[in-house]
Amino acid sequence: FLIAGSDSQTLVVSLYAAVTASGVRAPQSV
């Protein structure tokens, strides 16, 4: 999380970004 950029995120960091990102998204997708 500390070193990754938008094109170098692993699955766990992308999952965290999906949970905390602003906007409306279906919780089922997360």
PDB file of all heavy atoms in Angstrom:
ATOM      1  N   PHE A   1       0.826  -1.209   0.000  1.00  0.00           N
ATOM      2  CA  PHE A   1       0.000   0.000   0.000  1.00  0.00           C
ATOM      3  C   PHE A   1       0.859   1.257   0.000  1.00  0.00           C
ATOM      4  O   PHE A   1       0.537   2.247  -0.669  1.00  0.00           O
ATOM      5  CB  PHE A   1      -0.929  -0.012   1.217  1.00  0.00           C
ATOM      6  CG  PHE A   1      -1.755   1.229   1.361  1.00  0.00           C
ATOM      7  CD1 PHE A   1      -2.856   1.452   0.562  1.00  0.00           C
ATOM      8  CD2 PHE A   1      -1.425   2.190   2.316  1.00  0.00           C
ATOM      9  CE1 PHE A   1      -3.624   2.597   0.692  1.00  0.00           C
ATOM     10  CE2 PHE A   1      -2.172   3.335   2.460  1.00  0.00           C
ATOM     11  CZ  PHE A   1      -3.284   3.542   1.650  1.00  0.00           C
ATOM     12  N   LEU A   2       1.968   1.234   0.750  1.00  0.00           N
ATOM     13  CA  LEU A   2       2.813   2.420   0.855  1.00  0.00           C
ATOM     14  C   LEU A   2       3.544   2.739  -0.440  1.00  0.00           C
ATOM     15  O   LEU A   2       3.776   3.911  -0.752  1.00  0.00           O
ATOM     16  CB  LEU A   2       3.827   2.232   1.988  1.00  0.00           C
ATOM     17  CG  LEU A   2       3.268   2.248   3.414  1.00  0.00           C
ATOM     18  CD1 LEU A   2       4.344   1.853   4.418  1.00  0.00           C
ATOM     19  CD2 LEU A   2       2.704   3.620   3.764  1.00  0.00           C
ATOM     20  N   ILE A   3       3.922   1.735  -1.211  1.00  0.00           N
ATOM     21  CA  ILE A   3       4.783   1.954  -2.372  1.00  0.00           C
ATOM     22  C   ILE A   3       4.051   1.830  -3.696  1.00  0.00           C
ATOM     23  O   ILE A   3       4.503   2.368  -4.715  1.00  0.00           O
ATOM     24  CB  ILE A   3       5.974   0.968  -2.330  1.00  0.00           C
ATOM     25  CG1 ILE A   3       7.091   1.423  -3.290  1.00  0.00           C
ATOM     26  CG2 ILE A   3       5.524  -0.436  -2.671  1.00  0.00           C
ATOM     27  CD1 ILE A   3       7.729   2.714  -2.893  1.00  0.00           C
ATOM     28  N   ALA A   4       2.900   1.151  -3.738  1.00  0.00           N
ATOM     29  CA  ALA A   4       2.241   0.865  -5.017  1.00  0.00           C
ATOM     30  C   ALA A   4       1.584   2.100  -5.602  1.00  0.00           C
ATOM     31  O   ALA A   4       1.104   2.981  -4.877  1.00  0.00           O
ATOM     32  CB  ALA A   4       1.201  -0.246  -4.847  1.00  0.00           C
ATOM     33  N   GLY A   5       1.565   2.164  -6.935  1.00  0.00           N
ATOM     34  CA  GLY A   5       0.845   3.195  -7.651  1.00  0.00           C
ATOM     35  C   GLY A   5      -0.429   2.639  -8.244  1.00  0.00           C
ATOM     36  O   GLY A   5      -0.831   1.503  -7.959  1.00  0.00           O
ATOM     37  N   SER A   6      -1.061   3.405  -9.096  1.00  0.00           N
ATOM     38  CA  SER A   6      -2.331   2.970  -9.677  1.00  0.00           C
ATOM     39  C   SER A   6      -2.161   1.748 -10.581  1.00  0.00           C
ATOM     40  O   SER A   6      -3.096   0.963 -10.737  1.00  0.00           O
ATOM     41  CB  SER A   6      -2.949   4.118 -10.482  1.00  0.00           C
ATOM     42  OG  SER A   6      -2.042   4.551 -11.503  1.00  0.00           O
ATOM     43  N   ASP A   7      -0.970   1.565 -11.170  1.00  0.00           N
ATOM     44  CA  ASP A   7      -0.733   0.440 -12.077  1.00  0.00           C
ATOM     45  C   ASP A   7       0.059  -0.688 -11.429  1.00  0.00           C
ATOM     46  O   ASP A   7       0.431  -1.644 -12.119  1.00  0.00           O
ATOM     47  CB  ASP A   7       0.023   0.927 -13.330  1.00  0.00           C
ATOM     48  CG  ASP A   7      -0.779   1.940 -14.130  1.00  0.00           C
ATOM     49  OD1 ASP A   7      -2.019   1.844 -14.128  1.00  0.00           O
ATOM     50  OD2 ASP A   7      -0.157   2.831 -14.749  1.00  0.00           O
ATOM     51  N   SER A   8       0.347  -0.580 -10.143  1.00  0.00           N
ATOM     52  CA  SER A   8       1.152  -1.608  -9.475  1.00  0.00           C
ATOM     53  C   SER A   8       0.504  -2.088  -8.181  1.00  0.00           C
ATOM     54  O   SER A   8       1.197  -2.522  -7.261  1.00  0.00           O
ATOM     55  CB  SER A   8       2.565  -1.077  -9.189  1.00  0.00           C
ATOM     56  OG  SER A   8       2.515   0.136  -8.458  1.00  0.00           O
ATOM     57  N   GLN A   9      -0.815  -2.014  -8.105  1.00  0.00           N
ATOM     58  CA  GLN A   9      -1.533  -2.472  -6.920  1.00  0.00           C
ATOM     59  C   GLN A   9      -1.780  -3.968  -6.998  1.00  0.00           C
ATOM     60  O   GLN A   9      -2.172  -4.494  -8.042  1.00  0.00           O
ATOM     61  CB  GLN A   9      -2.875  -1.749  -6.785  1.00  0.00           C
ATOM     62  CG  GLN A   9      -2.771  -0.273  -6.465  1.00  0.00           C
ATOM     63  CD  GLN A   9      -4.127   0.374  -6.268  1.00  0.00           C
ATOM     64  OE1 GLN A   9      -5.159  -0.257  -6.476  1.00  0.00           O
ATOM     65  NE2 GLN A   9      -4.136   1.622  -5.864  1.00  0.00           N
ATOM     66  N   THR A  10      -1.561  -4.652  -5.874  1.00  0.00           N
ATOM     67  CA  THR A  10      -1.916  -6.056  -5.792  1.00  0.00           C
ATOM     68  C   THR A  10      -3.386  -6.186  -5.375  1.00  0.00           C
ATOM     69  O   THR A  10      -4.064  -5.195  -5.102  1.00  0.00           O
ATOM     70  CB  THR A  10      -1.020  -6.790  -4.793  1.00  0.00           C
ATOM     71  OG1 THR A  10      -1.159  -6.179  -3.499  1.00  0.00           O
ATOM     72  CG2 THR A  10       0.435  -6.721  -5.223  1.00  0.00           C
ATOM     73  N   LEU A  11      -3.851  -7.420  -5.314  1.00  0.00           N
ATOM     74  CA  LEU A  11      -5.280  -7.648  -5.075  1.00  0.00           C
ATOM     75  C   LEU A  11      -5.728  -7.130  -3.723  1.00  0.00           C
ATOM     76  O   LEU A  11      -6.813  -6.545  -3.600  1.00  0.00           O
ATOM     77  CB  LEU A  11      -5.569  -9.151  -5.192  1.00  0.00           C
ATOM     78  CG  LEU A  11      -7.036  -9.575  -5.108  1.00  0.00           C
ATOM     79  CD1 LEU A  11      -7.872  -8.875  -6.169  1.00  0.00           C
ATOM     80  CD2 LEU A  11      -7.156 -11.090  -5.264  1.00  0.00           C
ATOM     81  N   VAL A  12      -4.922  -7.302  -2.680  1.00  0.00           N
ATOM     82  CA  VAL A  12      -5.336  -6.868  -1.350  1.00  0.00           C
ATOM     83  C   VAL A  12      -5.425  -5.347  -1.271  1.00  0.00           C
ATOM     84  O   VAL A  12      -6.327  -4.792  -0.628  1.00  0.00           O
ATOM     85  CB  VAL A  12      -4.377  -7.438  -0.280  1.00  0.00           C
ATOM     86  CG1 VAL A  12      -2.972  -6.894  -0.445  1.00  0.00           C
ATOM     87  CG2 VAL A  12      -4.899  -7.147   1.115  1.00  0.00           C
ATOM     88  N   VAL A  13      -4.526  -4.624  -1.944  1.00  0.00           N
ATOM     89  CA  VAL A  13      -4.580  -3.165  -1.949  1.00  0.00           C
ATOM     90  C   VAL A  13      -5.769  -2.685  -2.768  1.00  0.00           C
ATOM     91  O   VAL A  13      -6.448  -1.723  -2.384  1.00  0.00           O
ATOM     92  CB  VAL A  13      -3.266  -2.582  -2.499  1.00  0.00           C
ATOM     93  CG1 VAL A  13      -3.339  -1.067  -2.600  1.00  0.00           C
ATOM     94  CG2 VAL A  13      -2.098  -2.982  -1.601  1.00  0.00           C
ATOM     95  N   SER A  14      -6.053  -3.335  -3.871  1.00  0.00           N
ATOM     96  CA  SER A  14      -7.219  -2.967  -4.679  1.00  0.00           C
ATOM     97  C   SER A  14      -8.511  -3.213  -3.915  1.00  0.00           C
ATOM     98  O   SER A  14      -9.474  -2.444  -4.036  1.00  0.00           O
ATOM     99  CB  SER A  14      -7.223  -3.764  -5.985  1.00  0.00           C
ATOM    100  OG  SER A  14      -6.104  -3.444  -6.772  1.00  0.00           O
ATOM    101  N   LEU A  15      -8.540  -4.268  -3.119  1.00  0.00           N
ATOM    102  CA  LEU A  15      -9.720  -4.540  -2.297  1.00  0.00           C
ATOM    103  C   LEU A  15      -9.930  -3.436  -1.275  1.00  0.00           C
ATOM    104  O   LEU A  15     -11.057  -2.965  -1.075  1.00  0.00           O
ATOM    105  CB  LEU A  15      -9.561  -5.898  -1.607  1.00  0.00           C
ATOM    106  CG  LEU A  15     -10.671  -6.313  -0.637  1.00  0.00           C
ATOM    107  CD1 LEU A  15     -12.009  -6.380  -1.354  1.00  0.00           C
ATOM    108  CD2 LEU A  15     -10.343  -7.649   0.006  1.00  0.00           C
ATOM    109  N   TYR A  16      -8.858  -2.994  -0.636  1.00  0.00           N
ATOM    110  CA  TYR A  16      -8.964  -1.893   0.319  1.00  0.00           C
ATOM    111  C   TYR A  16      -9.428  -0.613  -0.376  1.00  0.00           C
ATOM    112  O   TYR A  16     -10.284   0.116   0.151  1.00  0.00           O
ATOM    113  CB  TYR A  16      -7.606  -1.662   0.993  1.00  0.00           C
ATOM    114  CG  TYR A  16      -7.561  -0.434   1.863  1.00  0.00           C
ATOM    115  CD1 TYR A  16      -8.097  -0.451   3.149  1.00  0.00           C
ATOM    116  CD2 TYR A  16      -6.980   0.752   1.407  1.00  0.00           C
ATOM    117  CE1 TYR A  16      -8.059   0.678   3.954  1.00  0.00           C
ATOM    118  CE2 TYR A  16      -6.936   1.877   2.201  1.00  0.00           C
ATOM    119  CZ  TYR A  16      -7.478   1.842   3.471  1.00  0.00           C
ATOM    120  OH  TYR A  16      -7.451   2.965   4.265  1.00  0.00           O
ATOM    121  N   ALA A  17      -8.891  -0.341  -1.550  1.00  0.00           N
ATOM    122  CA  ALA A  17      -9.306   0.851  -2.294  1.00  0.00           C
ATOM    123  C   ALA A  17     -10.774   0.786  -2.670  1.00  0.00           C
ATOM    124  O   ALA A  17     -11.486   1.800  -2.642  1.00  0.00           O
ATOM    125  CB  ALA A  17      -8.437   1.005  -3.542  1.00  0.00           C
ATOM    126  N   ALA A  18     -11.255  -0.401  -3.019  1.00  0.00           N
ATOM    127  CA  ALA A  18     -12.659  -0.552  -3.386  1.00  0.00           C
ATOM    128  C   ALA A  18     -13.573  -0.311  -2.192  1.00  0.00           C
ATOM    129  O   ALA A  18     -14.665   0.255  -2.327  1.00  0.00           O
ATOM    130  CB  ALA A  18     -12.902  -1.948  -3.960  1.00  0.00           C
ATOM    131  N   VAL A  19     -13.143  -0.734  -1.013  1.00  0.00           N
ATOM    132  CA  VAL A  19     -13.972  -0.573   0.183  1.00  0.00           C
ATOM    133  C   VAL A  19     -14.014   0.883   0.639  1.00  0.00           C
ATOM    134  O   VAL A  19     -15.062   1.386   1.073  1.00  0.00           O
ATOM    135  CB  VAL A  19     -13.436  -1.475   1.321  1.00  0.00           C
ATOM    136  CG1 VAL A  19     -14.177  -1.191   2.626  1.00  0.00           C
ATOM    137  CG2 VAL A  19     -13.593  -2.942   0.941  1.00  0.00           C
ATOM    138  N   THR A  20     -12.878   1.580   0.531  1.00  0.00           N
ATOM    139  CA  THR A  20     -12.789   2.934   1.083  1.00  0.00           C
ATOM    140  C   THR A  20     -13.032   4.040   0.061  1.00  0.00           C
ATOM    141  O   THR A  20     -13.126   5.200   0.450  1.00  0.00           O
ATOM    142  CB  THR A  20     -11.400   3.144   1.705  1.00  0.00           C
ATOM    143  OG1 THR A  20     -10.395   2.947   0.698  1.00  0.00           O
ATOM    144  CG2 THR A  20     -11.174   2.161   2.847  1.00  0.00           C
ATOM    145  N   ALA A  21     -13.116   3.706  -1.222  1.00  0.00           N
ATOM    146  CA  ALA A  21     -13.268   4.746  -2.242  1.00  0.00           C
ATOM    147  C   ALA A  21     -14.635   5.407  -2.134  1.00  0.00           C
ATOM    148  O   ALA A  21     -15.633   4.784  -1.718  1.00  0.00           O
ATOM    149  CB  ALA A  21     -13.079   4.156  -3.632  1.00  0.00           C
ATOM    150  N   SER A  22     -14.669   6.684  -2.490  1.00  0.00           N
ATOM    151  CA  SER A  22     -15.947   7.413  -2.472  1.00  0.00           C
ATOM    152  C   SER A  22     -16.807   6.980  -3.651  1.00  0.00           C
ATOM    153  O   SER A  22     -16.323   6.438  -4.640  1.00  0.00           O
ATOM    154  CB  SER A  22     -15.674   8.922  -2.552  1.00  0.00           C
ATOM    155  OG  SER A  22     -14.966   9.224  -3.747  1.00  0.00           O
ATOM    156  N   GLY A  23     -18.102   7.234  -3.530  1.00  0.00           N
ATOM    157  CA  GLY A  23     -19.037   6.864  -4.586  1.00  0.00           C
ATOM    158  C   GLY A  23     -19.958   5.751  -4.137  1.00  0.00           C
ATOM    159  O   GLY A  23     -19.788   5.151  -3.075  1.00  0.00           O
ATOM    160  N   VAL A  24     -20.947   5.490  -4.953  1.00  0.00           N
ATOM    161  CA  VAL A  24     -21.944   4.464  -4.646  1.00  0.00           C
ATOM    162  C   VAL A  24     -21.620   3.224  -5.463  1.00  0.00           C
ATOM    163  O   VAL A  24     -21.529   3.270  -6.683  1.00  0.00           O
ATOM    164  CB  VAL A  24     -23.364   4.967  -4.977  1.00  0.00           C
ATOM    165  CG1 VAL A  24     -24.374   3.867  -4.684  1.00  0.00           C
ATOM    166  CG2 VAL A  24     -23.687   6.226  -4.184  1.00  0.00           C
ATOM    167  N   ARG A  25     -21.446   2.110  -4.773  1.00  0.00           N
ATOM    168  CA  ARG A  25     -21.213   0.841  -5.452  1.00  0.00           C
ATOM    169  C   ARG A  25     -21.903  -0.249  -4.652  1.00  0.00           C
ATOM    170  O   ARG A  25     -22.060  -0.146  -3.426  1.00  0.00           O
ATOM    171  CB  ARG A  25     -19.715   0.538  -5.602  1.00  0.00           C
ATOM    172  CG  ARG A  25     -18.953   0.588  -4.314  1.00  0.00           C
ATOM    173  CD  ARG A  25     -17.504   0.154  -4.484  1.00  0.00           C
ATOM    174  NE  ARG A  25     -16.873   0.738  -5.626  1.00  0.00           N
ATOM    175  CZ  ARG A  25     -16.253   1.909  -5.616  1.00  0.00           C
ATOM    176  NH1 ARG A  25     -16.227   2.619  -4.493  1.00  0.00           N
ATOM    177  NH2 ARG A  25     -15.670   2.372  -6.680  1.00  0.00           N
ATOM    178  N   ALA A  26     -22.312  -1.276  -5.330  1.00  0.00           N
ATOM    179  CA  ALA A  26     -23.034  -2.369  -4.671  1.00  0.00           C
ATOM    180  C   ALA A  26     -22.103  -3.104  -3.712  1.00  0.00           C
ATOM    181  O   ALA A  26     -20.990  -3.482  -4.097  1.00  0.00           O
ATOM    182  CB  ALA A  26     -23.582  -3.329  -5.715  1.00  0.00           C
ATOM    183  N   PRO A  27     -22.535  -3.297  -2.467  1.00  0.00           N
ATOM    184  CA  PRO A  27     -21.672  -4.042  -1.532  1.00  0.00           C
ATOM    185  C   PRO A  27     -21.439  -5.473  -1.987  1.00  0.00           C
ATOM    186  O   PRO A  27     -20.430  -6.080  -1.625  1.00  0.00           O
ATOM    187  CB  PRO A  27     -22.447  -3.986  -0.210  1.00  0.00           C
ATOM    188  CG  PRO A  27     -23.862  -3.692  -0.589  1.00  0.00           C
ATOM    189  CD  PRO A  27     -23.789  -2.862  -1.830  1.00  0.00           C
ATOM    190  N   GLN A  28     -22.371  -6.023  -2.792  1.00  0.00           N
ATOM    191  CA  GLN A  28     -22.173  -7.387  -3.285  1.00  0.00           C
ATOM    192  C   GLN A  28     -20.945  -7.485  -4.187  1.00  0.00           C
ATOM    193  O   GLN A  28     -20.247  -8.499  -4.194  1.00  0.00           O
ATOM    194  CB  GLN A  28     -23.414  -7.869  -4.050  1.00  0.00           C
ATOM    195  CG  GLN A  28     -24.639  -8.080  -3.180  1.00  0.00           C
ATOM    196  CD  GLN A  28     -25.519  -6.833  -3.151  1.00  0.00           C
ATOM    197  OE1 GLN A  28     -25.015  -5.721  -3.274  1.00  0.00           O
ATOM    198  NE2 GLN A  28     -26.818  -7.027  -2.983  1.00  0.00           N
ATOM    199  N   SER A  29     -20.655  -6.411  -4.959  1.00  0.00           N
ATOM    200  CA  SER A  29     -19.475  -6.427  -5.822  1.00  0.00           C
ATOM    201  C   SER A  29     -18.200  -6.448  -4.985  1.00  0.00           C
ATOM    202  O   SER A  29     -17.244  -7.160  -5.302  1.00  0.00           O
ATOM    203  CB  SER A  29     -19.473  -5.205  -6.742  1.00  0.00           C
ATOM    204  OG  SER A  29     -20.547  -5.249  -7.650  1.00  0.00           O
ATOM    205  N   VAL A  30     -18.182  -5.652  -3.913  1.00  0.00           N
ATOM    206  CA  VAL A  30     -17.021  -5.638  -3.032  1.00  0.00           C
ATOM    207  C   VAL A  30     -16.843  -6.994  -2.359  1.00  0.00           C
ATOM    208  O   VAL A  30     -15.720  -7.519  -2.236  1.00  0.00           O
ATOM    209  CB  VAL A  30     -17.154  -4.522  -1.986  1.00  0.00           C
ATOM    210  CG1 VAL A  30     -15.972  -4.538  -1.029  1.00  0.00           C
ATOM    211  CG2 VAL A  30     -17.257  -3.163  -2.668  1.00  0.00           C
TER     212      VAL A  30
END
